[in-house]
N, C-alpha and C. Protein backbone atom coordinates (compact mmCIF):
# COMPACT_ATOMS: atom_id res chain seq x y z
N MET A 1 1.13 28.59 3.37
CA MET A 1 -0.83 28.76 3.85
C MET A 1 -1.70 28.46 2.78
N ILE A 2 -2.59 27.30 3.09
CA ILE A 2 -2.86 26.98 1.61
C ILE A 2 -4.90 27.75 1.94
N ARG A 3 -5.06 28.77 1.11
CA ARG A 3 -6.63 29.23 1.33
C ARG A 3 -8.03 28.50 1.23
N ILE A 4 -8.59 28.29 1.96
CA ILE A 4 -9.69 27.12 1.25
C ILE A 4 -10.92 27.95 1.45
N LEU A 5 -12.37 27.81 0.25
CA LEU A 5 -13.11 28.13 0.43
C LEU A 5 -13.82 27.10 0.64
N LEU A 6 -14.92 26.77 1.74
CA LEU A 6 -15.91 26.00 1.86
C LEU A 6 -17.45 26.06 1.19
N ALA A 7 -18.19 25.45 0.12
CA ALA A 7 -19.45 25.54 0.05
C ALA A 7 -20.44 24.05 0.24
N ASP A 8 -21.06 24.46 1.37
CA ASP A 8 -22.53 23.44 1.44
C ASP A 8 -23.10 24.27 2.11
N ASP A 9 -24.19 23.60 1.66
CA ASP A 9 -25.83 24.36 2.15
C ASP A 9 -26.28 23.52 3.64
N GLU A 10 -25.40 22.60 3.86
CA GLU A 10 -25.97 21.93 5.64
C GLU A 10 -25.14 22.96 6.26
N GLU A 11 -25.57 23.82 6.97
CA GLU A 11 -24.69 24.43 7.95
C GLU A 11 -23.60 23.84 9.00
N LEU A 12 -24.84 23.06 9.88
CA LEU A 12 -24.12 22.37 10.83
C LEU A 12 -22.74 21.65 9.96
N ILE A 13 -22.51 21.11 8.91
CA ILE A 13 -21.43 20.30 7.83
C ILE A 13 -20.33 21.62 8.03
N ARG A 14 -20.88 22.42 7.42
CA ARG A 14 -20.20 23.56 6.83
C ARG A 14 -19.31 23.70 7.84
N VAL A 15 -19.78 24.14 8.88
CA VAL A 15 -19.30 24.98 10.59
C VAL A 15 -18.26 23.82 10.75
N ALA A 16 -18.91 22.76 11.21
CA ALA A 16 -17.67 21.62 11.06
C ALA A 16 -16.58 21.38 10.67
N VAL A 17 -17.13 21.51 9.43
CA VAL A 17 -15.84 21.07 8.22
C VAL A 17 -14.29 22.24 8.45
N ALA A 18 -15.16 23.40 8.24
CA ALA A 18 -14.41 24.50 8.63
C ALA A 18 -13.83 24.78 10.03
N ALA A 19 -13.92 24.13 11.08
CA ALA A 19 -13.46 24.24 12.19
C ALA A 19 -12.46 23.31 12.10
N LEU A 20 -12.39 21.98 11.36
CA LEU A 20 -12.03 20.66 11.41
C LEU A 20 -10.53 21.24 10.63
N LEU A 21 -10.94 22.01 9.52
CA LEU A 21 -9.69 22.26 8.59
C LEU A 21 -8.58 23.72 9.24
N ASP A 22 -9.38 24.70 10.31
CA ASP A 22 -8.74 25.34 11.00
C ASP A 22 -7.71 24.67 11.67
N LEU A 23 -7.69 23.44 12.31
CA LEU A 23 -6.77 22.67 12.75
C LEU A 23 -5.66 22.23 12.63
N GLU A 24 -5.85 22.86 11.19
CA GLU A 24 -4.33 22.22 10.56
C GLU A 24 -3.29 23.58 10.32
N PRO A 25 -2.20 23.51 10.86
CA PRO A 25 -1.14 25.00 10.75
C PRO A 25 -1.04 25.20 9.06
N ASP A 26 -1.44 24.36 8.31
CA ASP A 26 -1.03 25.03 6.84
C ASP A 26 -1.89 25.22 5.82
N LEU A 27 -4.03 25.47 6.92
CA LEU A 27 -4.65 25.40 5.99
C LEU A 27 -5.52 26.80 6.08
N GLU A 28 -6.39 27.48 6.04
CA GLU A 28 -6.83 28.36 6.25
C GLU A 28 -8.24 28.74 5.83
N VAL A 29 -9.49 28.63 6.17
CA VAL A 29 -10.70 29.12 5.64
C VAL A 29 -11.04 30.35 5.39
N VAL A 30 -10.71 30.84 4.06
CA VAL A 30 -11.33 32.33 4.14
C VAL A 30 -12.80 32.43 3.74
N ALA A 31 -13.58 31.99 3.08
CA ALA A 31 -14.73 32.22 3.09
C ALA A 31 -15.74 31.12 3.18
N GLN A 32 -16.96 31.12 2.98
CA GLN A 32 -17.96 30.13 3.73
C GLN A 32 -18.92 30.20 2.99
N ALA A 33 -20.02 29.29 1.94
CA ALA A 33 -20.60 29.98 0.93
C ALA A 33 -21.55 28.39 0.93
N ALA A 34 -23.26 29.09 1.10
CA ALA A 34 -24.46 27.70 1.67
C ALA A 34 -25.38 27.28 0.20
N ASP A 35 -24.41 28.00 -0.95
CA ASP A 35 -24.94 27.70 -2.42
C ASP A 35 -24.11 28.10 -3.54
N GLY A 36 -24.22 27.11 -4.32
CA GLY A 36 -23.58 27.41 -5.95
C GLY A 36 -23.02 28.59 -6.54
N HIS A 37 -23.88 29.54 -6.42
CA HIS A 37 -23.95 31.28 -7.14
C HIS A 37 -22.80 31.86 -6.01
N ALA A 38 -23.26 31.60 -4.04
CA ALA A 38 -22.96 31.72 -3.76
C ALA A 38 -21.10 31.92 -3.64
N ALA A 39 -21.02 30.55 -4.13
CA ALA A 39 -19.33 29.64 -4.24
C ALA A 39 -18.59 30.44 -5.22
N VAL A 40 -19.71 30.52 -6.28
CA VAL A 40 -18.26 31.84 -7.15
C VAL A 40 -18.63 32.69 -7.13
N GLU A 41 -19.24 33.14 -6.26
CA GLU A 41 -18.83 35.13 -5.92
C GLU A 41 -17.84 35.30 -4.82
N ALA A 42 -18.04 33.77 -3.54
CA ALA A 42 -16.94 34.00 -2.67
C ALA A 42 -16.05 33.79 -3.00
N ALA A 43 -15.64 33.49 -4.04
CA ALA A 43 -14.35 32.39 -4.88
C ALA A 43 -13.36 34.28 -5.64
N ARG A 44 -14.37 34.63 -6.49
CA ARG A 44 -14.20 35.64 -7.26
C ARG A 44 -13.70 37.00 -6.07
N ALA A 45 -14.48 37.08 -5.07
CA ALA A 45 -14.06 37.61 -3.88
C ALA A 45 -12.31 37.09 -3.01
N HIS A 46 -12.59 35.98 -2.56
CA HIS A 46 -11.35 35.89 -1.70
C HIS A 46 -10.37 35.19 -2.63
N ARG A 47 -10.65 34.71 -3.80
CA ARG A 47 -9.72 33.71 -4.52
C ARG A 47 -8.80 32.98 -3.61
N PRO A 48 -9.91 32.26 -3.55
CA PRO A 48 -8.76 30.96 -2.71
C PRO A 48 -8.58 30.00 -3.67
N ASP A 49 -7.13 29.53 -2.69
CA ASP A 49 -6.27 28.61 -3.18
C ASP A 49 -7.30 26.83 -3.54
N VAL A 50 -7.64 26.47 -3.00
CA VAL A 50 -8.66 25.47 -3.00
C VAL A 50 -10.49 25.33 -2.72
N ALA A 51 -11.04 25.14 -3.24
CA ALA A 51 -13.09 25.06 -3.25
C ALA A 51 -13.18 23.58 -2.31
N VAL A 52 -13.52 23.44 -1.60
CA VAL A 52 -14.10 22.70 -0.94
C VAL A 52 -16.06 22.34 -1.43
N VAL A 53 -16.34 21.64 -2.57
CA VAL A 53 -18.05 22.20 -2.61
C VAL A 53 -18.65 20.65 -2.24
N ASP A 54 -20.17 20.86 -1.71
CA ASP A 54 -20.60 19.90 -1.80
C ASP A 54 -21.58 19.74 -3.16
N LEU A 55 -21.38 18.22 -3.23
CA LEU A 55 -21.98 18.10 -4.84
C LEU A 55 -23.53 18.45 -4.59
N GLN A 56 -24.18 18.04 -4.14
CA GLN A 56 -25.71 18.56 -4.55
C GLN A 56 -25.91 20.09 -3.45
N MET A 57 -25.97 20.94 -3.90
CA MET A 57 -26.48 22.55 -3.00
C MET A 57 -27.22 22.91 -4.55
N PRO A 58 -28.38 24.07 -3.36
CA PRO A 58 -29.00 24.63 -4.36
C PRO A 58 -28.42 25.66 -5.54
N SER A 59 -28.88 26.53 -6.27
CA SER A 59 -28.57 27.38 -7.62
C SER A 59 -28.01 26.61 -8.51
N LEU A 60 -26.82 26.07 -8.05
CA LEU A 60 -25.62 25.44 -8.77
C LEU A 60 -25.08 24.60 -8.19
N ASP A 61 -25.35 23.16 -8.64
CA ASP A 61 -24.69 22.20 -7.46
C ASP A 61 -23.08 22.24 -7.46
N GLY A 62 -22.04 20.81 -7.45
CA GLY A 62 -20.60 21.03 -7.33
C GLY A 62 -20.44 21.07 -8.23
N ILE A 63 -21.07 20.65 -9.54
CA ILE A 63 -19.89 20.10 -10.94
C ILE A 63 -20.10 21.64 -11.36
N ALA A 64 -21.86 22.12 -11.34
CA ALA A 64 -21.23 23.21 -12.25
C ALA A 64 -20.61 24.70 -11.46
N VAL A 65 -20.51 24.38 -10.13
CA VAL A 65 -19.22 25.17 -9.51
C VAL A 65 -17.81 25.26 -10.27
N ALA A 66 -17.61 23.70 -10.02
CA ALA A 66 -16.41 23.06 -10.71
C ALA A 66 -15.84 23.57 -11.75
N ALA A 67 -17.13 23.87 -13.11
CA ALA A 67 -17.06 24.91 -14.61
C ALA A 67 -16.62 25.64 -14.34
N GLU A 68 -17.38 26.63 -13.72
CA GLU A 68 -17.36 27.62 -13.25
C GLU A 68 -16.13 28.99 -12.57
N LEU A 69 -16.17 28.00 -12.11
CA LEU A 69 -14.50 28.63 -11.30
C LEU A 69 -13.10 28.52 -12.33
N GLN A 70 -13.69 27.52 -12.74
CA GLN A 70 -12.34 27.12 -13.96
C GLN A 70 -12.35 28.25 -14.53
N GLN A 71 -13.38 28.89 -15.11
CA GLN A 71 -13.41 29.76 -15.84
C GLN A 71 -13.01 31.58 -15.61
N ALA A 72 -14.20 31.74 -13.96
CA ALA A 72 -13.87 32.64 -13.18
C ALA A 72 -12.64 32.99 -12.70
N VAL A 73 -12.16 31.94 -11.99
CA VAL A 73 -10.44 31.91 -10.60
C VAL A 73 -9.70 30.53 -11.12
N PRO A 74 -8.91 30.22 -12.64
CA PRO A 74 -8.70 29.55 -12.81
C PRO A 74 -7.55 28.98 -12.24
N SER A 75 -7.12 29.47 -10.88
CA SER A 75 -5.90 29.49 -10.20
C SER A 75 -6.37 28.59 -8.92
N CYS A 76 -7.53 28.62 -9.05
CA CYS A 76 -8.69 28.14 -7.54
C CYS A 76 -8.97 25.93 -7.87
N THR A 77 -8.24 25.53 -7.69
CA THR A 77 -8.67 24.14 -7.76
C THR A 77 -10.00 23.59 -7.00
N VAL A 78 -10.03 22.37 -7.43
CA VAL A 78 -11.95 22.14 -7.10
C VAL A 78 -11.88 20.42 -6.13
N VAL A 79 -12.66 20.16 -5.03
CA VAL A 79 -12.49 19.16 -4.20
C VAL A 79 -14.19 19.15 -4.33
N ILE A 80 -14.54 17.87 -4.60
CA ILE A 80 -16.28 18.07 -4.31
C ILE A 80 -16.19 16.94 -3.58
N LEU A 81 -17.29 17.40 -2.39
CA LEU A 81 -17.23 16.19 -1.19
C LEU A 81 -18.56 16.01 -1.01
N THR A 82 -19.10 14.89 -1.27
CA THR A 82 -20.33 13.74 -1.20
C THR A 82 -20.60 13.04 -0.19
N GLY A 83 -22.07 13.02 -0.70
CA GLY A 83 -22.64 12.67 1.10
C GLY A 83 -23.12 11.53 0.13
N ARG A 84 -23.88 11.51 -1.07
CA ARG A 84 -24.27 10.32 -2.33
C ARG A 84 -23.67 10.00 -3.28
N GLY A 85 -21.95 10.01 -3.62
CA GLY A 85 -21.56 9.88 -4.51
C GLY A 85 -21.79 8.96 -5.51
N ARG A 86 -21.95 8.97 -6.59
CA ARG A 86 -22.59 8.34 -7.57
C ARG A 86 -21.29 7.80 -9.29
N PRO A 87 -21.16 6.89 -9.68
CA PRO A 87 -19.89 7.13 -10.89
C PRO A 87 -20.47 7.74 -11.18
N ALA A 88 -21.46 7.91 -12.32
CA ALA A 88 -21.63 8.49 -13.00
C ALA A 88 -21.29 10.53 -12.57
N HIS A 89 -21.40 10.61 -11.51
CA HIS A 89 -21.24 11.84 -10.84
C HIS A 89 -19.68 11.87 -11.09
N LEU A 90 -19.08 11.33 -10.75
CA LEU A 90 -17.26 11.24 -10.74
C LEU A 90 -17.03 11.60 -11.98
N ALA A 91 -17.85 11.22 -13.14
CA ALA A 91 -17.08 11.37 -14.36
C ALA A 91 -17.61 12.77 -14.75
N ARG A 92 -18.23 13.05 -14.30
CA ARG A 92 -18.81 14.53 -14.61
C ARG A 92 -18.32 15.48 -14.17
N ALA A 93 -18.02 14.91 -13.16
CA ALA A 93 -17.05 16.37 -11.66
C ALA A 93 -15.65 16.64 -12.27
N LEU A 94 -14.98 15.35 -12.87
CA LEU A 94 -13.81 15.72 -13.50
C LEU A 94 -13.19 16.51 -14.72
N ALA A 95 -14.92 15.99 -15.39
CA ALA A 95 -14.92 15.85 -16.70
C ALA A 95 -14.80 18.13 -16.95
N ALA A 96 -15.75 18.53 -15.99
CA ALA A 96 -15.52 20.05 -15.41
C ALA A 96 -14.35 20.59 -14.65
N GLY A 97 -13.71 19.65 -14.50
CA GLY A 97 -12.28 20.38 -13.86
C GLY A 97 -11.79 20.18 -12.12
N ALA A 98 -12.93 19.07 -11.76
CA ALA A 98 -12.87 19.12 -10.30
C ALA A 98 -11.34 18.22 -10.09
N LYS A 99 -10.58 18.54 -9.31
CA LYS A 99 -9.31 17.46 -9.05
C LYS A 99 -9.59 16.44 -8.04
N GLY A 100 -10.62 16.34 -7.49
CA GLY A 100 -10.54 15.87 -5.94
C GLY A 100 -12.22 15.53 -6.04
N PHE A 101 -12.46 13.93 -5.24
CA PHE A 101 -14.12 13.44 -5.04
C PHE A 101 -13.56 12.93 -4.25
N LEU A 102 -14.32 13.18 -3.27
CA LEU A 102 -14.23 12.57 -1.81
C LEU A 102 -15.62 12.80 -1.23
N PRO A 103 -16.04 11.21 -0.45
CA PRO A 103 -16.92 10.87 0.30
C PRO A 103 -17.17 11.50 1.62
N LYS A 104 -18.14 11.88 1.58
CA LYS A 104 -18.39 12.99 3.26
C LYS A 104 -18.19 11.92 4.13
N GLY A 105 -17.93 10.54 4.38
CA GLY A 105 -18.13 9.38 5.54
C GLY A 105 -16.65 9.21 4.95
N SER A 106 -15.74 10.37 4.98
CA SER A 106 -14.35 9.75 4.97
C SER A 106 -13.24 9.95 6.18
N PRO A 107 -12.23 9.42 6.71
CA PRO A 107 -11.82 9.81 7.59
C PRO A 107 -11.50 11.40 8.04
N GLY A 108 -11.94 11.91 9.06
CA GLY A 108 -11.32 13.31 9.45
C GLY A 108 -10.44 14.16 8.77
N GLY A 109 -9.17 12.71 8.70
CA GLY A 109 -8.05 13.71 8.25
C GLY A 109 -7.54 13.57 6.68
N ALA A 110 -8.55 12.90 6.12
CA ALA A 110 -8.49 12.64 4.20
C ALA A 110 -8.49 14.04 4.19
N LEU A 111 -9.81 14.86 4.18
CA LEU A 111 -10.10 16.08 3.51
C LEU A 111 -8.67 16.97 3.45
N ALA A 112 -8.20 17.03 4.60
CA ALA A 112 -7.01 18.09 4.60
C ALA A 112 -5.62 17.68 4.05
N ASP A 113 -5.30 16.51 3.70
CA ASP A 113 -4.77 15.41 2.58
C ASP A 113 -5.06 15.53 1.68
N VAL A 114 -6.29 15.64 1.01
CA VAL A 114 -6.52 15.65 -0.51
C VAL A 114 -6.86 17.26 -0.88
N ILE A 115 -6.59 18.23 0.43
CA ILE A 115 -6.59 19.64 -0.11
C ILE A 115 -5.17 19.30 -0.39
N ARG A 116 -4.26 19.37 0.22
CA ARG A 116 -2.84 19.14 0.50
C ARG A 116 -2.36 18.71 -0.71
N ARG A 117 -2.71 17.88 -1.58
CA ARG A 117 -2.69 17.28 -2.32
C ARG A 117 -2.85 17.86 -4.00
N VAL A 118 -4.55 18.32 -4.23
CA VAL A 118 -4.73 19.01 -4.96
C VAL A 118 -4.42 20.65 -5.50
N HIS A 119 -3.65 20.81 -4.46
CA HIS A 119 -3.06 22.27 -4.16
C HIS A 119 -1.23 22.19 -4.42
N ALA A 120 -1.35 20.80 -4.83
CA ALA A 120 0.36 20.55 -5.08
C ALA A 120 0.03 19.83 -6.63
N GLY A 121 -1.03 19.77 -7.04
CA GLY A 121 -1.13 19.85 -8.52
C GLY A 121 -1.13 18.02 -8.58
N GLY A 122 -1.62 17.54 -7.87
CA GLY A 122 -2.46 16.09 -7.77
C GLY A 122 -3.90 16.06 -8.26
N ARG A 123 -4.06 15.08 -7.99
CA ARG A 123 -5.69 14.28 -7.79
C ARG A 123 -5.81 13.19 -7.00
N TYR A 124 -6.84 13.14 -6.69
CA TYR A 124 -8.13 12.55 -5.62
C TYR A 124 -9.04 12.16 -5.96
N VAL A 125 -9.36 11.11 -6.29
CA VAL A 125 -10.57 10.05 -6.55
C VAL A 125 -10.96 9.05 -5.39
N ASP A 126 -11.68 9.54 -4.66
CA ASP A 126 -11.91 8.14 -4.21
C ASP A 126 -11.77 6.77 -4.35
N PRO A 127 -10.50 5.69 -3.98
CA PRO A 127 -10.78 4.32 -4.50
C PRO A 127 -11.89 3.71 -5.07
N GLY A 128 -12.73 3.52 -3.74
CA GLY A 128 -14.59 3.02 -4.12
C GLY A 128 -15.26 2.97 -5.40
N LEU A 129 -15.47 4.86 -5.46
CA LEU A 129 -15.95 4.93 -6.65
C LEU A 129 -15.28 5.06 -7.92
N ALA A 130 -13.52 5.71 -7.92
CA ALA A 130 -13.08 5.24 -9.18
C ALA A 130 -13.63 3.36 -9.95
N ALA A 131 -13.49 2.54 -8.70
CA ALA A 131 -13.93 1.60 -9.23
C ALA A 131 -14.94 1.31 -10.69
N ASP A 132 -16.04 1.63 -9.36
CA ASP A 132 -17.17 1.61 -9.99
C ASP A 132 -17.68 2.39 -11.18
N ALA A 133 -16.56 3.02 -11.17
CA ALA A 133 -16.96 4.03 -12.52
C ALA A 133 -16.92 3.78 -13.60
N LEU A 134 -15.54 3.02 -13.34
CA LEU A 134 -14.82 1.55 -14.65
C LEU A 134 -15.72 0.61 -14.93
N THR A 135 -16.78 0.22 -14.00
CA THR A 135 -18.23 -0.50 -14.78
C THR A 135 -18.92 0.27 -15.50
N LEU A 136 -19.26 1.61 -15.51
CA LEU A 136 -20.70 2.06 -16.22
C LEU A 136 -20.31 1.17 -17.83
N PRO A 137 -21.95 1.11 -17.91
CA PRO A 137 -22.33 0.76 -19.62
C PRO A 137 -22.00 2.15 -20.38
N GLU A 138 -21.46 1.69 -21.64
CA GLU A 138 -21.01 3.02 -22.70
C GLU A 138 -23.44 3.44 -22.59
N CYS A 139 -23.00 4.05 -23.65
CA CYS A 139 -24.23 4.90 -23.91
C CYS A 139 -25.17 4.56 -25.09
N PRO A 140 -25.86 3.72 -25.27
CA PRO A 140 -26.47 3.17 -26.66
C PRO A 140 -26.95 4.20 -27.51
N LEU A 141 -27.11 5.31 -26.82
CA LEU A 141 -27.35 6.21 -27.55
C LEU A 141 -27.30 7.23 -28.40
N THR A 142 -27.99 7.69 -29.50
CA THR A 142 -27.15 8.72 -29.58
C THR A 142 -27.00 9.98 -29.56
N GLN A 143 -26.07 11.51 -30.06
CA GLN A 143 -26.37 12.82 -29.49
C GLN A 143 -27.81 13.02 -29.61
N ARG A 144 -28.31 12.61 -30.91
CA ARG A 144 -29.19 13.77 -31.45
C ARG A 144 -30.26 12.85 -30.08
N GLU A 145 -30.64 11.76 -29.51
CA GLU A 145 -31.40 10.61 -28.64
C GLU A 145 -31.21 11.24 -27.39
N LEU A 146 -30.18 11.85 -27.04
CA LEU A 146 -29.57 12.31 -25.76
C LEU A 146 -30.06 13.74 -25.79
N ASP A 147 -30.16 14.52 -26.79
CA ASP A 147 -30.87 15.92 -26.86
C ASP A 147 -32.41 15.88 -26.79
N VAL A 148 -33.21 14.62 -27.04
CA VAL A 148 -34.27 14.58 -26.78
C VAL A 148 -34.72 14.19 -25.58
N LEU A 149 -33.99 13.26 -24.91
CA LEU A 149 -34.08 13.11 -22.98
C LEU A 149 -33.94 14.68 -22.55
N ARG A 150 -32.70 15.47 -23.11
CA ARG A 150 -32.24 16.47 -22.09
C ARG A 150 -33.51 17.44 -22.02
N TYR A 151 -34.12 17.45 -23.40
CA TYR A 151 -35.30 18.71 -23.34
C TYR A 151 -36.62 18.12 -23.20
N GLY A 152 -36.67 16.96 -23.22
CA GLY A 152 -38.28 16.47 -23.01
C GLY A 152 -38.24 15.90 -21.61
N ASP A 153 -38.45 16.78 -20.56
CA ASP A 153 -39.13 15.67 -19.13
C ASP A 153 -40.34 15.41 -19.77
N PRO A 154 -40.67 14.37 -19.06
CA PRO A 154 -41.54 13.77 -18.78
C PRO A 154 -42.94 14.50 -19.14
N ASP A 155 -43.28 15.79 -18.12
CA ASP A 155 -44.32 16.50 -17.86
C ASP A 155 -43.84 17.12 -19.43
N VAL A 156 -42.79 17.44 -20.25
CA VAL A 156 -43.31 18.78 -21.08
C VAL A 156 -43.64 17.98 -22.56
N PRO A 157 -44.59 18.75 -23.37
CA PRO A 157 -45.27 17.51 -24.45
C PRO A 157 -44.42 17.65 -25.13
N VAL A 158 -44.41 17.01 -26.38
CA VAL A 158 -43.85 16.49 -27.19
C VAL A 158 -43.51 17.22 -28.56
N THR A 159 -44.54 18.05 -28.34
CA THR A 159 -44.52 19.53 -29.40
C THR A 159 -43.40 20.74 -28.88
N VAL A 160 -43.32 20.72 -27.79
CA VAL A 160 -42.60 21.70 -26.99
C VAL A 160 -41.04 21.26 -27.45
N VAL A 161 -40.96 19.92 -26.96
CA VAL A 161 -39.51 19.06 -27.30
C VAL A 161 -39.21 19.37 -28.71
N ALA A 162 -39.90 19.03 -29.74
CA ALA A 162 -39.98 19.59 -30.94
C ALA A 162 -39.22 20.74 -31.39
N ARG A 163 -40.16 21.40 -31.15
CA ARG A 163 -39.99 23.13 -31.24
C ARG A 163 -38.41 24.05 -30.72
N ARG A 164 -38.36 23.01 -29.72
CA ARG A 164 -36.68 23.63 -28.77
C ARG A 164 -35.62 23.06 -30.15
N LEU A 165 -35.54 21.96 -30.32
CA LEU A 165 -35.06 21.09 -31.13
C LEU A 165 -35.16 21.14 -32.78
N ASN A 166 -36.16 22.25 -33.16
CA ASN A 166 -36.41 22.44 -34.62
C ASN A 166 -36.78 21.13 -35.42
N LEU A 167 -37.12 20.35 -34.48
CA LEU A 167 -37.47 19.02 -35.41
C LEU A 167 -39.16 18.60 -35.27
N SER A 168 -39.80 17.89 -36.12
CA SER A 168 -40.94 17.37 -36.34
C SER A 168 -41.57 16.67 -35.22
N PRO A 169 -42.95 17.18 -34.92
CA PRO A 169 -43.27 15.82 -33.83
C PRO A 169 -42.88 14.71 -33.91
N GLY A 170 -43.00 14.28 -35.20
CA GLY A 170 -42.97 13.10 -35.23
C GLY A 170 -41.82 12.42 -35.40
N THR A 171 -40.80 13.43 -35.49
CA THR A 171 -39.50 12.84 -35.47
C THR A 171 -39.21 12.69 -34.19
N ILE A 172 -39.46 13.50 -33.43
CA ILE A 172 -39.45 13.28 -31.70
C ILE A 172 -40.30 11.92 -31.04
N ARG A 173 -41.27 11.78 -31.48
CA ARG A 173 -42.15 10.52 -30.94
C ARG A 173 -40.95 9.39 -31.80
N ASN A 174 -40.61 9.25 -32.84
CA ASN A 174 -40.01 8.39 -32.91
C ASN A 174 -38.28 7.69 -32.78
N HIS A 175 -37.51 9.04 -32.11
CA HIS A 175 -36.80 9.59 -31.28
C HIS A 175 -36.76 8.58 -29.66
N LEU A 176 -37.93 9.14 -29.08
CA LEU A 176 -38.39 8.35 -27.97
C LEU A 176 -39.03 7.00 -27.80
N THR A 177 -39.32 6.71 -28.75
CA THR A 177 -39.30 4.83 -29.40
C THR A 177 -37.85 4.30 -29.25
N ALA A 178 -37.19 4.57 -30.14
CA ALA A 178 -36.17 4.45 -30.18
C ALA A 178 -35.03 4.15 -28.84
N ILE A 179 -35.36 5.70 -28.19
CA ILE A 179 -35.03 5.28 -26.60
C ILE A 179 -35.16 4.28 -26.01
N VAL A 180 -36.73 4.87 -25.48
CA VAL A 180 -37.05 3.34 -25.04
C VAL A 180 -36.81 2.37 -25.20
N THR A 181 -36.77 1.69 -26.40
CA THR A 181 -36.26 0.39 -26.75
C THR A 181 -34.82 -0.07 -26.65
N LYS A 182 -34.08 1.00 -27.01
CA LYS A 182 -32.29 0.54 -26.37
C LYS A 182 -32.72 0.02 -25.06
N LEU A 183 -32.92 1.32 -24.38
CA LEU A 183 -32.87 1.20 -22.96
C LEU A 183 -33.54 -0.04 -22.12
N GLY A 184 -34.45 -0.66 -22.68
CA GLY A 184 -35.01 -1.51 -22.17
C GLY A 184 -36.36 -0.97 -21.24
N VAL A 185 -36.37 -0.36 -20.90
CA VAL A 185 -37.73 0.76 -19.93
C VAL A 185 -38.57 0.91 -20.94
N ALA A 186 -39.86 0.74 -20.01
CA ALA A 186 -41.21 1.47 -20.12
C ALA A 186 -41.46 2.64 -20.91
N SER A 187 -40.95 3.59 -20.49
CA SER A 187 -41.50 5.21 -19.91
C SER A 187 -40.21 6.05 -20.73
N ARG A 188 -40.61 7.26 -20.90
CA ARG A 188 -40.14 8.39 -21.17
C ARG A 188 -39.30 8.98 -19.79
N ALA A 189 -39.96 8.88 -18.95
CA ALA A 189 -39.63 9.02 -17.22
C ALA A 189 -38.46 8.74 -17.05
N GLU A 190 -38.97 7.29 -17.84
CA GLU A 190 -37.86 5.53 -16.89
C GLU A 190 -36.43 5.89 -17.54
N ALA A 191 -36.53 5.86 -19.04
CA ALA A 191 -35.46 6.53 -20.25
C ALA A 191 -34.40 7.69 -19.24
N ALA A 192 -34.89 8.48 -19.08
CA ALA A 192 -34.40 10.19 -18.05
C ALA A 192 -34.15 9.62 -16.90
N ALA A 193 -34.23 9.23 -16.34
CA ALA A 193 -33.60 8.54 -15.11
C ALA A 193 -32.72 7.39 -15.19
N LYS A 194 -32.62 6.57 -16.40
CA LYS A 194 -31.63 5.40 -16.16
C LYS A 194 -30.50 6.14 -16.96
N ALA A 195 -30.16 6.95 -17.80
CA ALA A 195 -29.85 8.40 -18.33
C ALA A 195 -29.10 8.78 -17.48
N ARG A 196 -29.79 9.79 -17.30
CA ARG A 196 -29.14 10.28 -15.39
C ARG A 196 -28.29 9.23 -14.46
N ASP A 197 -28.79 8.67 -14.50
CA ASP A 197 -27.96 7.51 -13.31
C ASP A 197 -27.19 6.65 -13.97
N ASN A 198 -26.98 6.39 -14.99
CA ASN A 198 -25.66 6.12 -15.59
C ASN A 198 -24.70 7.34 -16.02
N GLY A 199 -24.75 8.73 -16.09
CA GLY A 199 -24.15 9.76 -16.26
C GLY A 199 -24.35 9.68 -17.65
N TRP A 200 -24.99 9.65 -18.56
CA TRP A 200 -25.03 9.83 -19.73
C TRP A 200 -25.62 10.99 -20.18
N LEU A 201 -26.63 12.12 -18.99
CA LEU A 201 -26.98 13.03 -19.04
C LEU A 201 -26.49 13.78 -18.11
């Protein structure tokens, strides 16, 4: 019997997926969670073999849950289920330790098959997302420029970003100018959005 934890903030989806998986003779849903922190706690308490987690959840998203579970319950493999998966999410999920990445629009029996596959030591990545991930552009930014973007949300003053990174405000402004130029965008907000969309942040 493969023991499963389900984590999704949408109760209707979580309950429906649990009911679908409970129809399988070799699968048992042992715990459910409505957010990322609750998923990690449920995994610690129930020690599932596989955690099926939604990508977008409150408190910790599915990628953060995968990373936490690698430390907290290393025997638990993670499958990320997503409604809006993008290639950048896929790369981050795999780097965090997820073994499966599946769109919510997949055929009904696909999730059970993926659970069995990752439990047996394999991996599964949606072929469409995998193909898209191969065409992601290389990041033109330096690590320091990425740090400036990471700590420099558009509503955060340059002086605050400078203090966080132990740099002068002038240096931060120079980095921001370079970032906007390299990415071909008009503002810090557009630069951050482009970096997130491409999985660089």
